[in-house]
Amino acid sequence: MKSGLKNWDGSGSISSTLSGKAKKRHDDYYDLARAAHPDDWEDRELDGQMLYESSGGIPRGAIKKADVISIAREKKLRPLSSASFRQTIQENEELKRRAIQENEELKRRNENLQKIVDMHGRLFLALFKEMGKELP
């Protein structure tokens, strides 16, 4: 229970500056400890299983999805707008434009080469026809 740890006073109780969430976790743990060991709950070591149960039973530091959603709604998240991010976006757009232009140029070259190949094919046919021979 990291939150609110600095706010403990010498008697073992918490000061009033503790956040509401930390105070609730603290109170939930103490209620569970009192219920489990009514005679000597104050003298016992911190019980990990009770701490696990009082915090909602989520293992290994996992968090509840609803908590994350509510925090995200409270903070009204903004899109990234840093200079480096904008620069990256601009570079990406420029690379896309270049790729499209190069692709169009390659298509034109391919069409021209195909026309040349077709023309050469017709020339060979005409030459062999004039010579009276067939193409091999």
N, C-alpha and C. Protein backbone atom coordinates (compact mmCIF):
# COMPACT_ATOMS: atom_id res chain seq x y z
N MET A 1 0.85 -1.19 0.00
CA MET A 1 0.00 0.00 0.00
C MET A 1 0.89 1.24 0.00
N LYS A 2 1.39 1.54 -1.16
CA LYS A 2 2.32 2.64 -1.28
C LYS A 2 1.64 3.98 -1.06
N SER A 3 0.44 4.14 -1.58
CA SER A 3 -0.22 5.44 -1.49
C SER A 3 -0.55 5.77 -0.05
N GLY A 4 -0.16 6.93 0.40
CA GLY A 4 -0.49 7.39 1.74
C GLY A 4 0.45 6.92 2.82
N LEU A 5 1.50 6.22 2.49
CA LEU A 5 2.40 5.67 3.50
C LEU A 5 3.09 6.76 4.31
N LYS A 6 3.33 7.92 3.73
CA LYS A 6 4.02 9.00 4.43
C LYS A 6 3.12 9.67 5.47
N ASN A 7 1.85 9.36 5.45
CA ASN A 7 0.90 10.06 6.31
C ASN A 7 0.57 9.32 7.60
N TRP A 8 1.35 8.35 7.98
CA TRP A 8 1.10 7.62 9.22
C TRP A 8 1.68 8.42 10.38
N ASP A 9 0.96 8.45 11.47
CA ASP A 9 1.52 9.10 12.66
C ASP A 9 2.06 8.02 13.59
N GLY A 10 2.62 8.40 14.69
CA GLY A 10 3.28 7.47 15.60
C GLY A 10 2.34 6.45 16.23
N SER A 11 1.06 6.74 16.35
CA SER A 11 0.14 5.82 17.01
C SER A 11 -0.34 4.70 16.09
N GLY A 12 0.00 4.78 14.83
CA GLY A 12 -0.44 3.73 13.91
C GLY A 12 -1.67 4.11 13.12
N SER A 13 -2.27 5.24 13.44
CA SER A 13 -3.44 5.67 12.66
C SER A 13 -2.98 6.61 11.55
N ILE A 14 -3.88 6.95 10.68
CA ILE A 14 -3.52 7.75 9.52
C ILE A 14 -3.92 9.20 9.75
N SER A 15 -3.14 10.11 9.18
CA SER A 15 -3.49 11.52 9.30
C SER A 15 -4.58 11.87 8.30
N SER A 16 -5.13 13.05 8.42
CA SER A 16 -6.28 13.44 7.60
C SER A 16 -5.89 13.79 6.16
N THR A 17 -4.60 13.89 5.85
CA THR A 17 -4.19 14.26 4.50
C THR A 17 -4.15 13.07 3.55
N LEU A 18 -4.48 11.90 4.01
CA LEU A 18 -4.47 10.70 3.18
C LEU A 18 -5.56 10.80 2.13
N SER A 19 -5.27 10.37 0.91
CA SER A 19 -6.27 10.41 -0.16
C SER A 19 -7.43 9.49 0.18
N GLY A 20 -8.56 9.77 -0.39
CA GLY A 20 -9.75 8.98 -0.12
C GLY A 20 -9.59 7.52 -0.50
N LYS A 21 -8.95 7.28 -1.64
CA LYS A 21 -8.76 5.91 -2.11
C LYS A 21 -7.83 5.15 -1.16
N ALA A 22 -6.73 5.79 -0.73
CA ALA A 22 -5.79 5.13 0.18
C ALA A 22 -6.44 4.88 1.53
N LYS A 23 -7.22 5.84 2.00
CA LYS A 23 -7.91 5.67 3.29
C LYS A 23 -8.90 4.51 3.21
N LYS A 24 -9.61 4.40 2.09
CA LYS A 24 -10.57 3.31 1.93
C LYS A 24 -9.84 1.96 1.95
N ARG A 25 -8.71 1.87 1.24
CA ARG A 25 -7.94 0.62 1.24
C ARG A 25 -7.45 0.28 2.64
N HIS A 26 -6.97 1.28 3.34
CA HIS A 26 -6.50 1.10 4.72
C HIS A 26 -7.63 0.61 5.61
N ASP A 27 -8.76 1.27 5.54
CA ASP A 27 -9.91 0.88 6.37
C ASP A 27 -10.42 -0.51 6.02
N ASP A 28 -10.45 -0.83 4.72
CA ASP A 28 -10.90 -2.16 4.30
C ASP A 28 -9.99 -3.25 4.86
N TYR A 29 -8.68 -3.00 4.81
CA TYR A 29 -7.74 -3.98 5.34
C TYR A 29 -7.94 -4.15 6.84
N TYR A 30 -8.05 -3.04 7.57
CA TYR A 30 -8.23 -3.13 9.02
C TYR A 30 -9.55 -3.79 9.38
N ASP A 31 -10.60 -3.56 8.61
CA ASP A 31 -11.88 -4.23 8.87
C ASP A 31 -11.74 -5.74 8.70
N LEU A 32 -11.05 -6.14 7.65
CA LEU A 32 -10.82 -7.57 7.43
C LEU A 32 -9.95 -8.17 8.55
N ALA A 33 -8.92 -7.45 8.95
CA ALA A 33 -8.03 -7.93 10.02
C ALA A 33 -8.80 -8.06 11.33
N ARG A 34 -9.65 -7.08 11.63
CA ARG A 34 -10.46 -7.15 12.87
C ARG A 34 -11.41 -8.33 12.83
N ALA A 35 -12.00 -8.59 11.66
CA ALA A 35 -12.95 -9.70 11.55
C ALA A 35 -12.23 -11.05 11.68
N ALA A 36 -11.04 -11.16 11.12
CA ALA A 36 -10.32 -12.43 11.15
C ALA A 36 -9.68 -12.70 12.52
N HIS A 37 -9.18 -11.66 13.17
CA HIS A 37 -8.49 -11.82 14.45
C HIS A 37 -8.99 -10.75 15.43
N PRO A 38 -10.18 -10.92 15.98
CA PRO A 38 -10.75 -9.87 16.82
C PRO A 38 -9.94 -9.58 18.09
N ASP A 39 -9.21 -10.56 18.62
CA ASP A 39 -8.51 -10.35 19.89
C ASP A 39 -7.17 -9.62 19.72
N ASP A 40 -6.42 -9.96 18.69
CA ASP A 40 -5.07 -9.40 18.58
C ASP A 40 -4.75 -8.88 17.17
N TRP A 41 -5.70 -8.28 16.50
CA TRP A 41 -5.50 -7.83 15.11
C TRP A 41 -4.43 -6.74 15.00
N GLU A 42 -4.25 -5.94 16.07
CA GLU A 42 -3.26 -4.85 16.01
C GLU A 42 -1.83 -5.37 16.14
N ASP A 43 -1.64 -6.52 16.79
CA ASP A 43 -0.31 -7.06 17.03
C ASP A 43 0.20 -7.94 15.89
N ARG A 44 -0.63 -8.26 14.95
CA ARG A 44 -0.26 -9.18 13.88
C ARG A 44 0.54 -8.48 12.78
N GLU A 45 1.34 -9.29 12.09
CA GLU A 45 2.10 -8.81 10.92
C GLU A 45 1.11 -8.54 9.78
N LEU A 46 1.57 -7.80 8.80
CA LEU A 46 0.77 -7.54 7.61
C LEU A 46 0.50 -8.86 6.90
N ASP A 47 -0.77 -9.16 6.69
CA ASP A 47 -1.18 -10.41 6.07
C ASP A 47 -1.42 -10.18 4.57
N GLY A 48 -0.60 -10.83 3.75
CA GLY A 48 -0.68 -10.65 2.30
C GLY A 48 -2.01 -11.09 1.72
N GLN A 49 -2.55 -12.20 2.22
CA GLN A 49 -3.82 -12.70 1.70
C GLN A 49 -4.95 -11.73 2.02
N MET A 50 -4.96 -11.17 3.23
CA MET A 50 -6.00 -10.20 3.57
C MET A 50 -5.84 -8.92 2.75
N LEU A 51 -4.62 -8.53 2.52
CA LEU A 51 -4.35 -7.35 1.69
C LEU A 51 -4.85 -7.58 0.27
N TYR A 52 -4.61 -8.78 -0.23
CA TYR A 52 -5.08 -9.16 -1.57
C TYR A 52 -6.60 -9.09 -1.64
N GLU A 53 -7.27 -9.64 -0.63
CA GLU A 53 -8.73 -9.65 -0.62
C GLU A 53 -9.31 -8.25 -0.43
N SER A 54 -8.68 -7.45 0.41
CA SER A 54 -9.22 -6.11 0.67
C SER A 54 -9.01 -5.16 -0.51
N SER A 55 -8.04 -5.46 -1.38
CA SER A 55 -7.81 -4.59 -2.53
C SER A 55 -8.57 -5.04 -3.76
N GLY A 56 -9.45 -5.99 -3.62
CA GLY A 56 -10.27 -6.42 -4.74
C GLY A 56 -9.84 -7.73 -5.34
N GLY A 57 -8.77 -8.32 -4.84
CA GLY A 57 -8.37 -9.64 -5.28
C GLY A 57 -7.74 -9.71 -6.65
N ILE A 58 -7.09 -8.64 -7.09
CA ILE A 58 -6.45 -8.67 -8.40
C ILE A 58 -4.97 -8.96 -8.21
N PRO A 59 -4.46 -10.07 -8.79
CA PRO A 59 -3.08 -10.50 -8.54
C PRO A 59 -2.03 -9.71 -9.31
N ARG A 60 -0.81 -9.72 -8.81
CA ARG A 60 0.40 -9.21 -9.45
C ARG A 60 0.26 -7.80 -10.00
N GLY A 61 -0.39 -6.94 -9.27
CA GLY A 61 -0.43 -5.54 -9.65
C GLY A 61 -1.35 -5.22 -10.81
N ALA A 62 -2.18 -6.16 -11.21
CA ALA A 62 -3.12 -5.88 -12.31
C ALA A 62 -4.12 -4.83 -11.86
N ILE A 63 -4.72 -4.16 -12.80
CA ILE A 63 -5.71 -3.14 -12.47
C ILE A 63 -7.02 -3.46 -13.15
N LYS A 64 -8.07 -2.91 -12.60
CA LYS A 64 -9.39 -3.17 -13.16
C LYS A 64 -9.63 -2.29 -14.38
N LYS A 65 -10.28 -2.87 -15.37
CA LYS A 65 -10.55 -2.16 -16.63
C LYS A 65 -11.42 -0.94 -16.37
N ALA A 66 -12.40 -1.05 -15.50
CA ALA A 66 -13.30 0.07 -15.22
C ALA A 66 -12.55 1.25 -14.62
N ASP A 67 -11.54 0.98 -13.78
CA ASP A 67 -10.74 2.07 -13.20
C ASP A 67 -9.99 2.83 -14.28
N VAL A 68 -9.42 2.10 -15.22
CA VAL A 68 -8.66 2.74 -16.30
C VAL A 68 -9.58 3.58 -17.17
N ILE A 69 -10.74 3.05 -17.48
CA ILE A 69 -11.69 3.79 -18.33
C ILE A 69 -12.15 5.06 -17.63
N SER A 70 -12.45 4.98 -16.34
CA SER A 70 -12.93 6.17 -15.64
C SER A 70 -11.83 7.23 -15.55
N ILE A 71 -10.59 6.83 -15.33
CA ILE A 71 -9.49 7.79 -15.27
C ILE A 71 -9.27 8.43 -16.63
N ALA A 72 -9.36 7.63 -17.69
CA ALA A 72 -9.17 8.18 -19.04
C ALA A 72 -10.25 9.20 -19.36
N ARG A 73 -11.47 8.95 -18.92
CA ARG A 73 -12.55 9.90 -19.17
C ARG A 73 -12.34 11.18 -18.37
N GLU A 74 -11.82 11.06 -17.16
CA GLU A 74 -11.58 12.24 -16.34
C GLU A 74 -10.49 13.12 -16.93
N LYS A 75 -9.45 12.52 -17.48
CA LYS A 75 -8.30 13.28 -17.95
C LYS A 75 -8.52 13.91 -19.32
N LYS A 76 -9.53 13.47 -20.06
CA LYS A 76 -9.80 13.99 -21.40
C LYS A 76 -8.52 13.98 -22.23
N LEU A 77 -8.10 12.79 -22.58
CA LEU A 77 -6.82 12.60 -23.27
C LEU A 77 -6.77 13.38 -24.57
N ARG A 78 -5.60 13.98 -24.83
CA ARG A 78 -5.38 14.76 -26.05
C ARG A 78 -4.49 13.96 -26.99
N PRO A 79 -4.63 14.21 -28.29
CA PRO A 79 -3.71 13.54 -29.22
C PRO A 79 -2.30 14.10 -29.09
N LEU A 80 -1.34 13.31 -29.46
CA LEU A 80 0.05 13.76 -29.41
C LEU A 80 0.26 14.93 -30.36
N SER A 81 0.98 15.93 -29.92
CA SER A 81 1.22 17.08 -30.79
C SER A 81 2.65 17.60 -30.64
N SER A 82 3.55 16.75 -30.28
CA SER A 82 4.93 17.19 -30.12
C SER A 82 5.54 17.48 -31.48
N ALA A 83 6.58 18.28 -31.49
CA ALA A 83 7.24 18.66 -32.74
C ALA A 83 7.82 17.44 -33.45
N SER A 84 8.42 16.53 -32.69
CA SER A 84 9.01 15.34 -33.32
C SER A 84 7.93 14.45 -33.93
N PHE A 85 6.77 14.38 -33.27
CA PHE A 85 5.68 13.57 -33.81
C PHE A 85 5.16 14.18 -35.11
N ARG A 86 4.99 15.51 -35.12
CA ARG A 86 4.54 16.19 -36.35
C ARG A 86 5.56 16.00 -37.47
N GLN A 87 6.85 16.09 -37.13
CA GLN A 87 7.90 15.89 -38.13
C GLN A 87 7.84 14.48 -38.70
N THR A 88 7.61 13.50 -37.84
CA THR A 88 7.51 12.12 -38.29
C THR A 88 6.32 11.95 -39.24
N ILE A 89 5.21 12.57 -38.91
CA ILE A 89 4.02 12.51 -39.77
C ILE A 89 4.32 13.13 -41.14
N GLN A 90 4.97 14.29 -41.15
CA GLN A 90 5.31 14.96 -42.41
C GLN A 90 6.25 14.10 -43.25
N GLU A 91 7.26 13.51 -42.61
CA GLU A 91 8.19 12.65 -43.34
C GLU A 91 7.47 11.44 -43.93
N ASN A 92 6.54 10.88 -43.16
CA ASN A 92 5.77 9.74 -43.62
C ASN A 92 4.93 10.11 -44.85
N GLU A 93 4.29 11.27 -44.81
CA GLU A 93 3.48 11.72 -45.95
C GLU A 93 4.36 11.96 -47.17
N GLU A 94 5.54 12.55 -46.97
CA GLU A 94 6.46 12.78 -48.09
C GLU A 94 6.92 11.46 -48.69
N LEU A 95 7.22 10.48 -47.85
CA LEU A 95 7.62 9.17 -48.36
C LEU A 95 6.50 8.50 -49.15
N LYS A 96 5.27 8.66 -48.70
CA LYS A 96 4.13 8.11 -49.43
C LYS A 96 4.01 8.76 -50.80
N ARG A 97 4.14 10.10 -50.85
CA ARG A 97 4.06 10.81 -52.13
C ARG A 97 5.16 10.33 -53.09
N ARG A 98 6.37 10.22 -52.57
CA ARG A 98 7.48 9.75 -53.41
C ARG A 98 7.24 8.34 -53.92
N ALA A 99 6.73 7.48 -53.06
CA ALA A 99 6.47 6.09 -53.46
C ALA A 99 5.41 6.05 -54.56
N ILE A 100 4.38 6.87 -54.45
CA ILE A 100 3.33 6.92 -55.47
C ILE A 100 3.91 7.43 -56.79
N GLN A 101 4.73 8.48 -56.73
CA GLN A 101 5.34 9.03 -57.95
C GLN A 101 6.26 8.01 -58.61
N GLU A 102 7.08 7.35 -57.81
CA GLU A 102 8.00 6.35 -58.35
C GLU A 102 7.23 5.18 -58.96
N ASN A 103 6.13 4.79 -58.32
CA ASN A 103 5.31 3.70 -58.83
C ASN A 103 4.70 4.08 -60.18
N GLU A 104 4.21 5.32 -60.31
CA GLU A 104 3.65 5.78 -61.57
C GLU A 104 4.72 5.82 -62.66
N GLU A 105 5.92 6.28 -62.31
CA GLU A 105 7.03 6.33 -63.26
C GLU A 105 7.40 4.92 -63.72
N LEU A 106 7.44 3.98 -62.81
CA LEU A 106 7.75 2.59 -63.17
C LEU A 106 6.68 1.99 -64.07
N LYS A 107 5.42 2.34 -63.83
CA LYS A 107 4.34 1.86 -64.71
C LYS A 107 4.52 2.41 -66.12
N ARG A 108 4.86 3.71 -66.24
CA ARG A 108 5.08 4.31 -67.56
C ARG A 108 6.26 3.63 -68.27
N ARG A 109 7.34 3.40 -67.55
CA ARG A 109 8.50 2.73 -68.15
C ARG A 109 8.14 1.33 -68.62
N ASN A 110 7.37 0.63 -67.79
CA ASN A 110 6.96 -0.72 -68.13
C ASN A 110 6.10 -0.72 -69.39
N GLU A 111 5.18 0.24 -69.50
CA GLU A 111 4.34 0.34 -70.70
C GLU A 111 5.20 0.62 -71.93
N ASN A 112 6.16 1.55 -71.80
CA ASN A 112 7.05 1.87 -72.92
C ASN A 112 7.87 0.66 -73.34
N LEU A 113 8.41 -0.06 -72.38
CA LEU A 113 9.20 -1.25 -72.69
C LEU A 113 8.34 -2.32 -73.36
N GLN A 114 7.10 -2.44 -72.90
CA GLN A 114 6.20 -3.42 -73.51
C GLN A 114 5.91 -3.05 -74.97
N LYS A 115 5.75 -1.75 -75.23
CA LYS A 115 5.53 -1.30 -76.61
C LYS A 115 6.75 -1.61 -77.47
N ILE A 116 7.95 -1.39 -76.94
CA ILE A 116 9.18 -1.68 -77.68
C ILE A 116 9.29 -3.17 -77.98
N VAL A 117 8.98 -4.00 -76.99
CA VAL A 117 9.04 -5.45 -77.19
C VAL A 117 8.05 -5.87 -78.27
N ASP A 118 6.83 -5.32 -78.22
CA ASP A 118 5.82 -5.64 -79.25
C ASP A 118 6.30 -5.20 -80.63
N MET A 119 6.90 -3.99 -80.72
CA MET A 119 7.40 -3.48 -81.99
C MET A 119 8.51 -4.38 -82.54
N HIS A 120 9.42 -4.80 -81.66
CA HIS A 120 10.49 -5.70 -82.10
C HIS A 120 9.92 -7.03 -82.59
N GLY A 121 8.91 -7.50 -81.91
CA GLY A 121 8.27 -8.75 -82.34
C GLY A 121 7.67 -8.61 -83.73
N ARG A 122 7.00 -7.49 -83.98
CA ARG A 122 6.41 -7.25 -85.31
C ARG A 122 7.51 -7.11 -86.37
N LEU A 123 8.61 -6.42 -86.02
CA LEU A 123 9.73 -6.27 -86.96
C LEU A 123 10.32 -7.63 -87.34
N PHE A 124 10.54 -8.49 -86.36
CA PHE A 124 11.07 -9.82 -86.65
C PHE A 124 10.13 -10.60 -87.56
N LEU A 125 8.82 -10.50 -87.26
CA LEU A 125 7.85 -11.20 -88.11
C LEU A 125 7.93 -10.68 -89.55
N ALA A 126 8.01 -9.35 -89.70
CA ALA A 126 8.06 -8.75 -91.04
C ALA A 126 9.35 -9.15 -91.76
N LEU A 127 10.48 -9.13 -91.06
CA LEU A 127 11.76 -9.51 -91.67
C LEU A 127 11.76 -10.97 -92.12
N PHE A 128 11.29 -11.84 -91.25
CA PHE A 128 11.28 -13.26 -91.60
C PHE A 128 10.28 -13.53 -92.72
N LYS A 129 9.18 -12.76 -92.76
CA LYS A 129 8.19 -12.92 -93.81
C LYS A 129 8.80 -12.49 -95.15
N GLU A 130 9.57 -11.38 -95.16
CA GLU A 130 10.23 -10.91 -96.38
C GLU A 130 11.26 -11.91 -96.87
N MET A 131 11.93 -12.55 -95.94
CA MET A 131 12.95 -13.53 -96.31
C MET A 131 12.31 -14.85 -96.71
N GLY A 132 11.02 -14.99 -96.45
CA GLY A 132 10.33 -16.22 -96.81
C GLY A 132 10.58 -17.35 -95.83
N LYS A 133 10.92 -17.02 -94.65
CA LYS A 133 11.18 -18.05 -93.63
C LYS A 133 10.24 -17.84 -92.45
N GLU A 134 10.14 -18.91 -91.64
CA GLU A 134 9.31 -18.82 -90.43
C GLU A 134 10.19 -18.52 -89.22
N LEU A 135 9.57 -17.89 -88.26
CA LEU A 135 10.29 -17.60 -87.00
C LEU A 135 10.58 -18.90 -86.27
N PRO A 136 11.79 -19.07 -85.75
CA PRO A 136 12.10 -20.31 -85.02
C PRO A 136 11.35 -20.40 -83.70
